[in-house]
Structure formats: C-alpha cells, structure tokens
Amino acid sequence: MDKIMIRNLVARGILGVTEWERKEPQDILVNIELFTDLKKCGKSDKITDTVNYETIAEETLKIGSTAHRQTVEALANDIAKMCLEKKEVQRVMVRVEKSTLLRFSDAVGVEIERVQGDF
C-alpha cells in the first residue's frame, strides 16, 4: 500500500477544556498519512489520478480553525473522517498535538488510525 504524507501542518483553533484554552486560538500540529494506490498517478503523472494533498491540507486547516473541539481525540477523528470521504483513501493515520502547560512536556496529543467503513 502506498501513502501520501502531510507533515507538521499547523492549524490555529480552539481546542481544550480549560477556560484559557477556550478563549484564544492555539497552534495545533497535525500529521496525516493517507494510504492509497498511487500506481495510476505514477504512470499518468496527472493530479486527477491521485489524492490531492493540497485539498486535504486546506480542509484540515478549515476543520482545525472551526471545530472548537474539547479533545484532541475528537479533532483527530474529524480529520480522519474527512480524509476517508475521499474514495481513493483506504486507510488514514492522523496525529494531532497541541502545546501544553504540562511540566516536562512540549506537547500532548493522539494518533489514530481509521479505515474505510469506520464512519
């Protein structure tokens, strides 16, 4: 299985449960791996024969800036669902991280894996 990777995409949005997290947008780091078959595009060299990663990135930024989720789990799930709405994507891994005030930690986050049929 082939994959398309989007690394270290930074969205800005409301994410968290505490009062200060709900007031101001914060940076949300997103990594996505889209599992798909890239043979057709490899032969044709046409963007229409693959998953357009620019579209995925733009939609991810939109979700991150408008979702106003409390948990990184819910935001990761939203992004995974959007990715799997593309029929070419068979499986997706999404990692969502946010900076934190946890002592001795730069960030907290989750990584989820979903497949076609999960939604």
Protein backbone atom coordinates (compact mmCIF):
# COMPACT_ATOMS: atom_id res chain seq x y z
CA MET A 1 0.00 0.00 0.00
CA ASP A 2 1.31 3.43 -0.95
CA LYS A 3 0.97 6.51 1.19
CA ILE A 4 0.84 10.27 0.95
CA MET A 5 2.23 12.18 3.93
CA ILE A 6 1.41 15.63 5.21
CA ARG A 7 3.89 16.56 7.94
CA ASN A 8 3.76 19.24 10.61
CA LEU A 9 0.76 21.17 9.31
CA VAL A 10 -0.06 23.92 11.79
CA ALA A 11 -3.71 24.87 12.25
CA ARG A 12 -4.93 27.55 14.66
CA GLY A 13 -8.08 26.92 16.57
CA ILE A 14 -9.92 26.46 19.83
CA LEU A 15 -9.02 23.12 21.38
CA GLY A 16 -9.23 22.19 25.03
CA VAL A 17 -11.37 22.03 28.13
CA THR A 18 -9.92 24.74 30.37
CA GLU A 19 -11.19 28.31 30.30
CA TRP A 20 -7.95 29.74 28.87
CA GLU A 21 -7.93 27.12 26.08
CA ARG A 22 -11.47 28.08 25.09
CA LYS A 23 -10.69 31.82 24.80
CA GLU A 24 -7.84 32.10 22.32
CA PRO A 25 -6.91 30.03 19.27
CA GLN A 26 -3.77 28.00 19.73
CA ASP A 27 -1.40 26.18 17.40
CA ILE A 28 -2.45 22.63 16.62
CA LEU A 29 0.12 20.39 14.95
CA VAL A 30 -1.32 17.83 12.52
CA ASN A 31 0.38 14.95 10.73
CA ILE A 32 -1.53 12.80 8.25
CA GLU A 33 -0.68 9.60 6.40
CA LEU A 34 -3.12 8.68 3.61
CA PHE A 35 -2.92 5.09 2.41
CA THR A 36 -3.94 4.70 -1.21
CA ASP A 37 -2.89 3.17 -4.52
CA LEU A 38 -0.56 5.53 -6.39
CA LYS A 39 0.20 3.31 -9.40
CA LYS A 40 -2.23 5.06 -11.76
CA CYS A 41 -0.83 8.52 -11.00
CA GLY A 42 2.71 7.18 -11.17
CA LYS A 43 2.05 6.13 -14.77
CA SER A 44 -0.13 9.04 -15.91
CA ASP A 45 1.51 11.92 -13.99
CA LYS A 46 -1.96 13.50 -13.64
CA ILE A 47 -3.22 15.04 -10.39
CA THR A 48 -6.69 13.73 -11.20
CA ASP A 49 -5.35 10.19 -10.71
CA THR A 50 -4.35 10.70 -7.09
CA VAL A 51 -5.49 12.20 -3.80
CA ASN A 52 -4.81 15.92 -3.90
CA TYR A 53 -2.81 16.57 -0.74
CA GLU A 54 -3.26 20.33 -1.10
CA THR A 55 -7.02 19.86 -0.81
CA ILE A 56 -6.57 17.58 2.23
CA ALA A 57 -4.31 20.19 3.87
CA GLU A 58 -6.74 23.04 3.19
CA GLU A 59 -9.69 21.06 4.56
CA THR A 60 -7.65 20.08 7.63
CA LEU A 61 -6.83 23.74 8.33
CA LYS A 62 -10.51 24.61 8.00
CA ILE A 63 -11.54 21.84 10.40
CA GLY A 64 -8.85 22.90 12.88
CA SER A 65 -9.89 26.54 12.82
CA THR A 66 -13.65 25.99 13.06
CA ALA A 67 -14.25 22.79 15.04
CA HIS A 68 -13.90 24.25 18.57
CA ARG A 69 -13.37 20.76 19.99
CA GLN A 70 -12.58 19.99 23.60
CA THR A 71 -10.38 16.95 22.95
CA VAL A 72 -7.58 16.18 20.55
CA GLU A 73 -9.26 12.79 20.10
CA ALA A 74 -12.41 14.38 18.64
CA LEU A 75 -10.42 16.68 16.35
CA ALA A 76 -8.30 13.79 15.07
CA ASN A 77 -11.49 11.83 14.40
CA ASP A 78 -12.98 14.76 12.45
CA ILE A 79 -9.87 14.96 10.26
CA ALA A 80 -9.78 11.19 9.70
CA LYS A 81 -13.43 11.20 8.65
CA MET A 82 -12.81 13.98 6.12
CA CYS A 83 -9.85 12.07 4.66
CA LEU A 84 -11.85 8.85 4.29
CA GLU A 85 -14.61 10.70 2.47
CA LYS A 86 -12.16 10.65 -0.45
CA LYS A 87 -12.96 7.30 -2.05
CA GLU A 88 -9.31 6.72 -3.04
CA VAL A 89 -8.17 6.77 0.61
CA GLN A 90 -8.35 3.29 2.07
CA ARG A 91 -6.77 3.98 5.45
CA VAL A 92 -5.57 7.06 7.30
CA MET A 93 -3.38 7.80 10.29
CA VAL A 94 -3.86 11.18 11.94
CA ARG A 95 -1.72 12.66 14.71
CA VAL A 96 -2.93 15.79 16.48
CA GLU A 97 -0.78 17.57 19.06
CA LYS A 98 -1.08 20.80 20.97
CA SER A 99 1.31 22.63 23.24
CA THR A 100 0.66 22.19 26.87
CA LEU A 101 1.44 23.51 30.29
CA LEU A 102 2.27 20.00 31.50
CA ARG A 103 5.53 20.05 33.36
CA PHE A 104 8.39 18.46 31.39
CA SER A 105 6.33 18.20 28.19
CA ASP A 106 6.37 20.22 24.99
CA ALA A 107 3.09 18.85 23.69
CA VAL A 108 0.30 16.35 24.20
CA GLY A 109 -1.61 14.55 21.52
CA VAL A 110 -3.05 11.42 19.99
CA GLU A 111 -2.50 9.33 16.92
CA ILE A 112 -5.44 7.43 15.46
CA GLU A 113 -5.88 5.03 12.58
CA ARG A 114 -9.14 4.64 10.68
CA VAL A 115 -10.17 2.67 7.58
CA GLN A 116 -12.93 2.85 5.01
CA GLY A 117 -16.14 1.74 6.69
CA ASP A 118 -15.34 3.19 10.11
CA PHE A 119 -17.70 6.12 9.58
